[in-house]
Amino acid sequence: MPAPPVDRIRHRRVFAALRRPAGRAAAGPVHVRWVPSDRPVAQVAYAVGRHCGPAVVRNRVRRRLRAAVATAGAPPGCYLVGAGHEVLDLEFSRLQTVVREAMTTAARRGAPR
């Protein structure tokens, strides 16, 4: 069964909401913020700062994160996924596991009870 589609976050109000997330989680070098959404798919943005290194390294980290998120099968909601350069040292299968754990934990912690 293929993973559900992932969309980009496009609206300023969603980024503003992610400043005070409903759920947060971290697993390994990956950290995730989550807020609920009315859309049936996961919407994702990436935060890779200059502390990771030059633009080439930041872009590589972002590409690896994007590929891992695409296969994570995250629950619906808006996510801000960030990581450091340590992501480049992980095997891709391990990165997929770490991203999946962080995304599902953040969504579970933020979901209303």
N, C-alpha and C. Protein backbone atom coordinates (compact mmCIF):
# COMPACT_ATOMS: atom_id res chain seq x y z
N MET A 1 0.85 -1.17 0.00
CA MET A 1 0.00 0.00 0.00
C MET A 1 0.90 1.24 0.00
N PRO A 2 0.73 2.13 -0.96
CA PRO A 2 1.57 3.33 -1.02
C PRO A 2 1.22 4.31 0.10
N ALA A 3 2.21 5.10 0.47
CA ALA A 3 2.01 6.11 1.51
C ALA A 3 1.06 7.19 0.99
N PRO A 4 0.26 7.78 1.88
CA PRO A 4 -0.63 8.86 1.44
C PRO A 4 0.18 10.04 0.93
N PRO A 5 -0.41 10.86 0.08
CA PRO A 5 0.33 11.99 -0.48
C PRO A 5 0.68 13.03 0.58
N VAL A 6 1.73 13.78 0.30
CA VAL A 6 2.19 14.85 1.18
C VAL A 6 2.17 16.14 0.38
N ASP A 7 1.65 17.19 0.99
CA ASP A 7 1.54 18.48 0.32
C ASP A 7 2.43 19.49 1.03
N ARG A 8 2.68 20.61 0.38
CA ARG A 8 3.48 21.69 0.98
C ARG A 8 2.60 22.62 1.78
N ILE A 9 3.18 23.25 2.78
CA ILE A 9 2.49 24.31 3.51
C ILE A 9 2.69 25.59 2.71
N ARG A 10 1.59 26.27 2.42
CA ARG A 10 1.66 27.44 1.56
C ARG A 10 1.16 28.73 2.21
N HIS A 11 0.54 28.64 3.37
CA HIS A 11 -0.10 29.82 3.95
C HIS A 11 0.62 30.31 5.20
N ARG A 12 0.71 31.61 5.31
CA ARG A 12 1.38 32.25 6.44
C ARG A 12 0.72 31.91 7.77
N ARG A 13 -0.60 31.76 7.76
CA ARG A 13 -1.30 31.47 9.01
C ARG A 13 -0.90 30.11 9.57
N VAL A 14 -0.57 29.16 8.70
CA VAL A 14 -0.14 27.85 9.17
C VAL A 14 1.25 27.96 9.80
N PHE A 15 2.15 28.72 9.19
CA PHE A 15 3.47 28.91 9.78
C PHE A 15 3.35 29.62 11.12
N ALA A 16 2.43 30.58 11.23
CA ALA A 16 2.21 31.27 12.49
C ALA A 16 1.69 30.29 13.55
N ALA A 17 0.80 29.39 13.16
CA ALA A 17 0.28 28.40 14.10
C ALA A 17 1.37 27.43 14.56
N LEU A 18 2.33 27.14 13.69
CA LEU A 18 3.41 26.22 14.05
C LEU A 18 4.37 26.83 15.07
N ARG A 19 4.29 28.13 15.30
CA ARG A 19 5.11 28.73 16.36
C ARG A 19 4.67 28.25 17.73
N ARG A 20 3.37 27.96 17.86
CA ARG A 20 2.82 27.40 19.10
C ARG A 20 2.16 26.07 18.76
N PRO A 21 2.96 25.04 18.56
CA PRO A 21 2.41 23.78 18.06
C PRO A 21 1.55 23.06 19.10
N ALA A 22 0.61 22.29 18.61
CA ALA A 22 -0.21 21.45 19.48
C ALA A 22 0.59 20.24 19.95
N GLY A 23 1.50 19.76 19.11
CA GLY A 23 2.32 18.62 19.46
C GLY A 23 3.74 18.79 18.98
N ARG A 24 4.67 18.28 19.78
CA ARG A 24 6.09 18.31 19.42
C ARG A 24 6.68 16.94 19.68
N ALA A 25 7.73 16.62 18.93
CA ALA A 25 8.44 15.37 19.17
C ALA A 25 9.82 15.46 18.55
N ALA A 26 10.72 14.66 19.07
CA ALA A 26 12.06 14.54 18.50
C ALA A 26 12.46 13.09 18.54
N ALA A 27 13.16 12.68 17.53
CA ALA A 27 13.70 11.32 17.47
C ALA A 27 15.04 11.42 16.75
N GLY A 28 16.10 11.07 17.45
CA GLY A 28 17.43 11.21 16.86
C GLY A 28 17.68 12.66 16.50
N PRO A 29 18.20 12.93 15.32
CA PRO A 29 18.49 14.31 14.92
C PRO A 29 17.29 15.05 14.33
N VAL A 30 16.12 14.43 14.31
CA VAL A 30 14.94 15.01 13.68
C VAL A 30 14.00 15.55 14.75
N HIS A 31 13.50 16.78 14.55
CA HIS A 31 12.48 17.33 15.44
C HIS A 31 11.29 17.78 14.61
N VAL A 32 10.09 17.61 15.19
CA VAL A 32 8.85 17.86 14.46
C VAL A 32 7.90 18.68 15.32
N ARG A 33 7.21 19.62 14.69
CA ARG A 33 6.10 20.36 15.28
C ARG A 33 4.86 20.04 14.48
N TRP A 34 3.71 19.96 15.17
CA TRP A 34 2.46 19.57 14.51
C TRP A 34 1.32 20.45 14.97
N VAL A 35 0.45 20.82 14.03
CA VAL A 35 -0.83 21.46 14.34
C VAL A 35 -1.89 20.77 13.49
N PRO A 36 -3.13 20.71 14.00
CA PRO A 36 -4.19 20.05 13.24
C PRO A 36 -4.55 20.83 11.99
N SER A 37 -5.12 20.12 11.03
CA SER A 37 -5.53 20.73 9.77
C SER A 37 -6.86 20.14 9.35
N ASP A 38 -7.61 20.88 8.54
CA ASP A 38 -8.88 20.37 8.04
C ASP A 38 -8.70 19.61 6.73
N ARG A 39 -7.48 19.57 6.21
CA ARG A 39 -7.22 18.84 4.97
C ARG A 39 -6.96 17.37 5.27
N PRO A 40 -7.31 16.46 4.35
CA PRO A 40 -7.16 15.03 4.61
C PRO A 40 -5.74 14.49 4.39
N VAL A 41 -4.81 15.34 4.00
CA VAL A 41 -3.44 14.90 3.78
C VAL A 41 -2.50 15.66 4.70
N ALA A 42 -1.31 15.14 4.86
CA ALA A 42 -0.28 15.82 5.65
C ALA A 42 0.31 16.96 4.83
N GLN A 43 0.49 18.11 5.47
CA GLN A 43 1.17 19.23 4.85
C GLN A 43 2.47 19.44 5.60
N VAL A 44 3.57 19.61 4.86
CA VAL A 44 4.88 19.62 5.49
C VAL A 44 5.72 20.80 5.01
N ALA A 45 6.47 21.39 5.95
CA ALA A 45 7.50 22.38 5.64
C ALA A 45 8.77 21.91 6.34
N TYR A 46 9.90 22.37 5.87
CA TYR A 46 11.19 21.92 6.39
C TYR A 46 11.98 23.09 6.94
N ALA A 47 12.65 22.86 8.07
CA ALA A 47 13.48 23.88 8.71
C ALA A 47 14.89 23.32 8.83
N VAL A 48 15.76 23.81 7.99
CA VAL A 48 17.16 23.40 8.03
C VAL A 48 17.98 24.68 8.06
N GLY A 49 18.53 24.99 9.23
CA GLY A 49 19.20 26.27 9.42
C GLY A 49 20.66 26.27 8.97
N ARG A 50 21.24 27.43 9.06
CA ARG A 50 22.63 27.60 8.63
C ARG A 50 23.63 26.86 9.50
N HIS A 51 23.21 26.46 10.70
CA HIS A 51 24.13 25.72 11.55
C HIS A 51 24.50 24.36 10.93
N CYS A 52 23.70 23.91 9.96
CA CYS A 52 23.98 22.64 9.28
C CYS A 52 25.21 22.73 8.38
N GLY A 53 25.47 23.91 7.87
CA GLY A 53 26.60 24.07 6.97
C GLY A 53 26.22 24.92 5.78
N PRO A 54 27.05 24.86 4.74
CA PRO A 54 26.77 25.66 3.55
C PRO A 54 25.52 25.17 2.82
N ALA A 55 25.09 25.93 1.83
CA ALA A 55 23.85 25.64 1.10
C ALA A 55 23.82 24.23 0.52
N VAL A 56 24.94 23.75 0.05
CA VAL A 56 24.97 22.40 -0.54
C VAL A 56 24.57 21.36 0.50
N VAL A 57 25.08 21.48 1.71
CA VAL A 57 24.77 20.53 2.78
C VAL A 57 23.31 20.70 3.20
N ARG A 58 22.85 21.92 3.38
CA ARG A 58 21.45 22.16 3.77
C ARG A 58 20.48 21.59 2.75
N ASN A 59 20.78 21.76 1.48
CA ASN A 59 19.90 21.22 0.43
C ASN A 59 19.90 19.70 0.45
N ARG A 60 21.04 19.09 0.73
CA ARG A 60 21.11 17.63 0.80
C ARG A 60 20.29 17.11 1.98
N VAL A 61 20.39 17.79 3.11
CA VAL A 61 19.60 17.41 4.29
C VAL A 61 18.11 17.53 3.95
N ARG A 62 17.72 18.63 3.33
CA ARG A 62 16.32 18.86 2.98
C ARG A 62 15.81 17.79 2.00
N ARG A 63 16.61 17.43 1.02
CA ARG A 63 16.20 16.39 0.06
C ARG A 63 16.01 15.05 0.74
N ARG A 64 16.92 14.69 1.66
CA ARG A 64 16.79 13.42 2.37
C ARG A 64 15.53 13.43 3.25
N LEU A 65 15.29 14.56 3.92
CA LEU A 65 14.08 14.65 4.74
C LEU A 65 12.82 14.53 3.90
N ARG A 66 12.81 15.21 2.76
CA ARG A 66 11.64 15.17 1.87
C ARG A 66 11.36 13.75 1.41
N ALA A 67 12.41 13.01 1.07
CA ALA A 67 12.23 11.62 0.62
C ALA A 67 11.74 10.74 1.76
N ALA A 68 12.25 10.95 2.97
CA ALA A 68 11.82 10.14 4.12
C ALA A 68 10.38 10.46 4.50
N VAL A 69 9.99 11.72 4.44
CA VAL A 69 8.61 12.11 4.77
C VAL A 69 7.64 11.52 3.75
N ALA A 70 8.03 11.46 2.50
CA ALA A 70 7.15 10.94 1.46
C ALA A 70 6.77 9.48 1.71
N THR A 71 7.62 8.74 2.40
CA THR A 71 7.34 7.33 2.67
C THR A 71 6.87 7.08 4.10
N ALA A 72 6.75 8.14 4.91
CA ALA A 72 6.44 7.97 6.33
C ALA A 72 4.99 7.58 6.58
N GLY A 73 4.07 8.00 5.74
CA GLY A 73 2.66 7.70 5.97
C GLY A 73 2.14 8.43 7.20
N ALA A 74 2.43 9.71 7.29
CA ALA A 74 2.06 10.51 8.45
C ALA A 74 0.56 10.78 8.49
N PRO A 75 0.01 10.90 9.71
CA PRO A 75 -1.40 11.27 9.83
C PRO A 75 -1.64 12.68 9.31
N PRO A 76 -2.86 13.02 8.96
CA PRO A 76 -3.16 14.38 8.48
C PRO A 76 -2.81 15.43 9.52
N GLY A 77 -2.43 16.60 9.04
CA GLY A 77 -2.06 17.71 9.89
C GLY A 77 -0.97 18.50 9.21
N CYS A 78 -0.53 19.57 9.86
CA CYS A 78 0.55 20.39 9.34
C CYS A 78 1.80 20.14 10.17
N TYR A 79 2.89 19.86 9.52
CA TYR A 79 4.14 19.51 10.19
C TYR A 79 5.25 20.47 9.79
N LEU A 80 6.09 20.79 10.75
CA LEU A 80 7.35 21.48 10.48
C LEU A 80 8.43 20.51 10.90
N VAL A 81 9.18 20.00 9.93
CA VAL A 81 10.21 18.99 10.17
C VAL A 81 11.57 19.66 10.06
N GLY A 82 12.38 19.51 11.08
CA GLY A 82 13.71 20.09 11.08
C GLY A 82 14.74 19.05 11.47
N ALA A 83 15.97 19.32 11.10
CA ALA A 83 17.06 18.39 11.42
C ALA A 83 18.39 19.08 11.25
N GLY A 84 19.41 18.45 11.79
CA GLY A 84 20.77 18.92 11.64
C GLY A 84 21.53 18.09 10.63
N HIS A 85 22.80 18.38 10.48
CA HIS A 85 23.61 17.68 9.48
C HIS A 85 23.84 16.21 9.85
N GLU A 86 23.51 15.82 11.07
CA GLU A 86 23.65 14.41 11.49
C GLU A 86 22.79 13.48 10.65
N VAL A 87 21.77 14.03 10.01
CA VAL A 87 20.88 13.24 9.14
C VAL A 87 21.67 12.60 8.01
N LEU A 88 22.71 13.25 7.57
CA LEU A 88 23.51 12.73 6.46
C LEU A 88 24.28 11.48 6.85
N ASP A 89 24.50 11.26 8.15
CA ASP A 89 25.24 10.09 8.60
C ASP A 89 24.36 8.86 8.80
N LEU A 90 23.04 9.05 8.81
CA LEU A 90 22.12 7.93 9.02
C LEU A 90 21.89 7.17 7.73
N GLU A 91 21.71 5.87 7.86
CA GLU A 91 21.24 5.08 6.72
C GLU A 91 19.83 5.54 6.39
N PHE A 92 19.44 5.44 5.14
CA PHE A 92 18.13 5.95 4.75
C PHE A 92 17.00 5.19 5.44
N SER A 93 17.14 3.89 5.61
CA SER A 93 16.08 3.12 6.29
C SER A 93 15.94 3.58 7.74
N ARG A 94 17.05 3.89 8.40
CA ARG A 94 17.00 4.40 9.77
C ARG A 94 16.36 5.80 9.79
N LEU A 95 16.70 6.63 8.82
CA LEU A 95 16.12 7.97 8.73
C LEU A 95 14.61 7.88 8.54
N GLN A 96 14.14 6.96 7.71
CA GLN A 96 12.70 6.78 7.52
C GLN A 96 12.02 6.42 8.84
N THR A 97 12.63 5.53 9.60
CA THR A 97 12.08 5.11 10.88
C THR A 97 12.02 6.28 11.86
N VAL A 98 13.11 7.05 11.93
CA VAL A 98 13.18 8.19 12.84
C VAL A 98 12.14 9.24 12.48
N VAL A 99 11.99 9.53 11.20
CA VAL A 99 11.02 10.53 10.75
C VAL A 99 9.60 10.05 11.05
N ARG A 100 9.32 8.80 10.78
CA ARG A 100 7.98 8.25 11.05
C ARG A 100 7.66 8.33 12.54
N GLU A 101 8.62 7.95 13.39
CA GLU A 101 8.42 8.00 14.84
C GLU A 101 8.11 9.43 15.30
N ALA A 102 8.93 10.38 14.85
CA ALA A 102 8.76 11.76 15.28
C ALA A 102 7.43 12.34 14.81
N MET A 103 7.04 12.05 13.58
CA MET A 103 5.79 12.61 13.04
C MET A 103 4.56 12.01 13.74
N THR A 104 4.54 10.71 13.94
CA THR A 104 3.38 10.09 14.58
C THR A 104 3.30 10.48 16.06
N THR A 105 4.45 10.60 16.72
CA THR A 105 4.44 11.01 18.13
C THR A 105 3.94 12.44 18.28
N ALA A 106 4.40 13.34 17.42
CA ALA A 106 3.95 14.74 17.49
C ALA A 106 2.44 14.83 17.25
N ALA A 107 1.93 14.09 16.27
CA ALA A 107 0.50 14.12 15.98
C ALA A 107 -0.30 13.51 17.14
N ARG A 108 0.22 12.45 17.74
CA ARG A 108 -0.47 11.81 18.87
C ARG A 108 -0.50 12.75 20.07
N ARG A 109 0.61 13.43 20.36
CA ARG A 109 0.67 14.33 21.51
C ARG A 109 -0.23 15.55 21.32
N GLY A 110 -0.41 15.98 20.08
CA GLY A 110 -1.20 17.18 19.83
C GLY A 110 -2.67 16.93 19.61
N ALA A 111 -3.04 15.68 19.36
CA ALA A 111 -4.45 15.38 19.07
C ALA A 111 -5.30 15.58 20.32
N PRO A 112 -6.51 16.12 20.13
CA PRO A 112 -7.40 16.30 21.30
C PRO A 112 -7.80 14.96 21.87
N ARG A 113 -7.94 14.96 23.17
CA ARG A 113 -8.27 13.68 23.85
C ARG A 113 -9.71 13.57 24.17
